[in-house]
Amino acid sequence: MMKHDICRRAWTCMHQKQLRSKIASVVKRDAGFHFVAAVFYLSASVVLAYITIVIGNVSTVGIDVLKTYRLDISAVVTSHVATLLYFLHAIFSAIRWKRA
């Protein structure tokens, strides 16, 4: 997650300083960046969903396991929503790249 924050901050600084001399290449990089981020989020979401299913199949459920299970369910839903938004942004960036 730290690399993603560094990339996002660098991207924001680039936009603030208006270093966008070649629009097509900037849009191309934007589409590629969001596609790669979507793939990373998808892989993390799948692993988290698998772990949540494994925790849910435990026969002896204590109060701590139940709290962790409920927290994991909300984290899985949130990560899938973030993945969907990254994929949508990557698709719209690719459409914008083709038009530029």
Protein backbone atom coordinates (compact mmCIF):
# COMPACT_ATOMS: atom_id res chain seq x y z
CA MET A 1 0.00 0.00 0.00
CA MET A 2 2.94 2.32 0.63
CA LYS A 3 4.11 2.17 -3.00
CA HIS A 4 0.58 3.03 -4.12
CA ASP A 5 0.58 6.14 -1.89
CA ILE A 6 3.96 7.24 -3.24
CA CYS A 7 2.77 6.81 -6.83
CA ARG A 8 -0.44 8.69 -6.10
CA ARG A 9 1.42 11.59 -4.49
CA ALA A 10 3.90 11.78 -7.36
CA TRP A 11 1.00 11.73 -9.83
CA THR A 12 -0.76 14.53 -7.92
CA CYS A 13 2.41 16.65 -7.86
CA MET A 14 2.83 16.14 -11.59
CA HIS A 15 -0.70 17.39 -12.20
CA GLN A 16 -0.24 20.35 -9.86
CA LYS A 17 2.93 21.48 -11.62
CA GLN A 18 1.24 20.98 -15.01
CA LEU A 19 3.98 18.84 -16.49
CA ARG A 20 1.54 17.33 -18.97
CA SER A 21 3.31 18.20 -22.20
CA LYS A 22 2.23 15.04 -23.96
CA ILE A 23 -1.42 14.39 -23.18
CA ALA A 24 -1.58 10.97 -24.86
CA SER A 25 1.36 9.56 -22.93
CA VAL A 26 0.03 10.89 -19.61
CA VAL A 27 -3.39 9.39 -20.25
CA LYS A 28 -1.77 6.13 -21.33
CA ARG A 29 0.23 5.98 -18.09
CA ASP A 30 -2.92 6.83 -16.11
CA ALA A 31 -4.83 3.93 -17.70
CA GLY A 32 -1.93 1.54 -17.13
CA PHE A 33 -1.44 2.62 -13.52
CA HIS A 34 -5.09 2.09 -12.66
CA PHE A 35 -5.22 -1.27 -14.40
CA VAL A 36 -2.19 -2.50 -12.44
CA ALA A 37 -3.70 -1.14 -9.21
CA ALA A 38 -6.99 -2.94 -10.00
CA VAL A 39 -5.16 -6.23 -10.52
CA PHE A 40 -3.32 -5.83 -7.20
CA TYR A 41 -6.54 -4.97 -5.37
CA LEU A 42 -8.27 -7.97 -6.98
CA SER A 43 -5.56 -10.37 -5.85
CA ALA A 44 -5.69 -9.00 -2.30
CA SER A 45 -9.50 -9.18 -2.30
CA VAL A 46 -9.51 -12.82 -3.37
CA VAL A 47 -7.00 -13.80 -0.67
CA LEU A 48 -8.97 -11.91 1.97
CA ALA A 49 -12.23 -13.53 0.86
CA TYR A 50 -10.63 -16.98 1.05
CA ILE A 51 -9.33 -16.33 4.57
CA THR A 52 -12.78 -15.09 5.61
CA ILE A 53 -14.40 -18.27 4.28
CA VAL A 54 -11.88 -20.40 6.15
CA ILE A 55 -12.55 -18.50 9.38
CA GLY A 56 -16.30 -18.87 8.82
CA ASN A 57 -15.99 -22.66 8.52
CA VAL A 58 -14.42 -23.04 11.96
CA SER A 59 -16.73 -25.20 14.07
CA THR A 60 -15.78 -23.76 17.46
CA VAL A 61 -16.49 -20.07 17.29
CA GLY A 62 -15.37 -17.91 20.20
CA ILE A 63 -16.26 -14.27 20.67
CA ASP A 64 -12.85 -13.12 19.36
CA VAL A 65 -13.16 -15.25 16.22
CA LEU A 66 -16.68 -13.95 15.64
CA LYS A 67 -15.50 -10.33 15.91
CA THR A 68 -12.65 -11.02 13.50
CA TYR A 69 -15.03 -12.79 11.11
CA ARG A 70 -17.45 -9.85 11.06
CA LEU A 71 -14.60 -7.41 10.54
CA ASP A 72 -13.24 -9.54 7.70
CA ILE A 73 -16.65 -9.60 5.99
CA SER A 74 -16.78 -5.80 5.94
CA ALA A 75 -13.17 -5.66 4.72
CA VAL A 76 -13.96 -8.09 1.87
CA VAL A 77 -16.95 -6.02 0.76
CA THR A 78 -14.93 -2.81 0.90
CA SER A 79 -12.01 -4.29 -1.02
CA HIS A 80 -14.31 -5.62 -3.73
CA VAL A 81 -15.94 -2.20 -4.10
CA ALA A 82 -12.49 -0.57 -4.34
CA THR A 83 -11.48 -3.15 -6.95
CA LEU A 84 -14.62 -2.45 -8.97
CA LEU A 85 -13.97 1.30 -8.87
CA TYR A 86 -10.35 0.83 -9.97
CA PHE A 87 -11.44 -1.36 -12.88
CA LEU A 88 -14.08 1.18 -13.92
CA HIS A 89 -11.53 3.99 -13.74
CA ALA A 90 -9.07 1.93 -15.79
CA ILE A 91 -11.73 1.30 -18.44
CA PHE A 92 -12.70 4.97 -18.63
CA SER A 93 -9.03 5.98 -18.73
CA ALA A 94 -8.46 3.59 -21.63
CA ILE A 95 -11.45 5.10 -23.47
CA ARG A 96 -10.06 8.60 -22.84
CA TRP A 97 -6.63 7.45 -24.03
CA LYS A 98 -8.08 6.16 -27.29
CA ARG A 99 -9.85 9.48 -27.88
CA ALA A 100 -6.75 11.61 -27.16
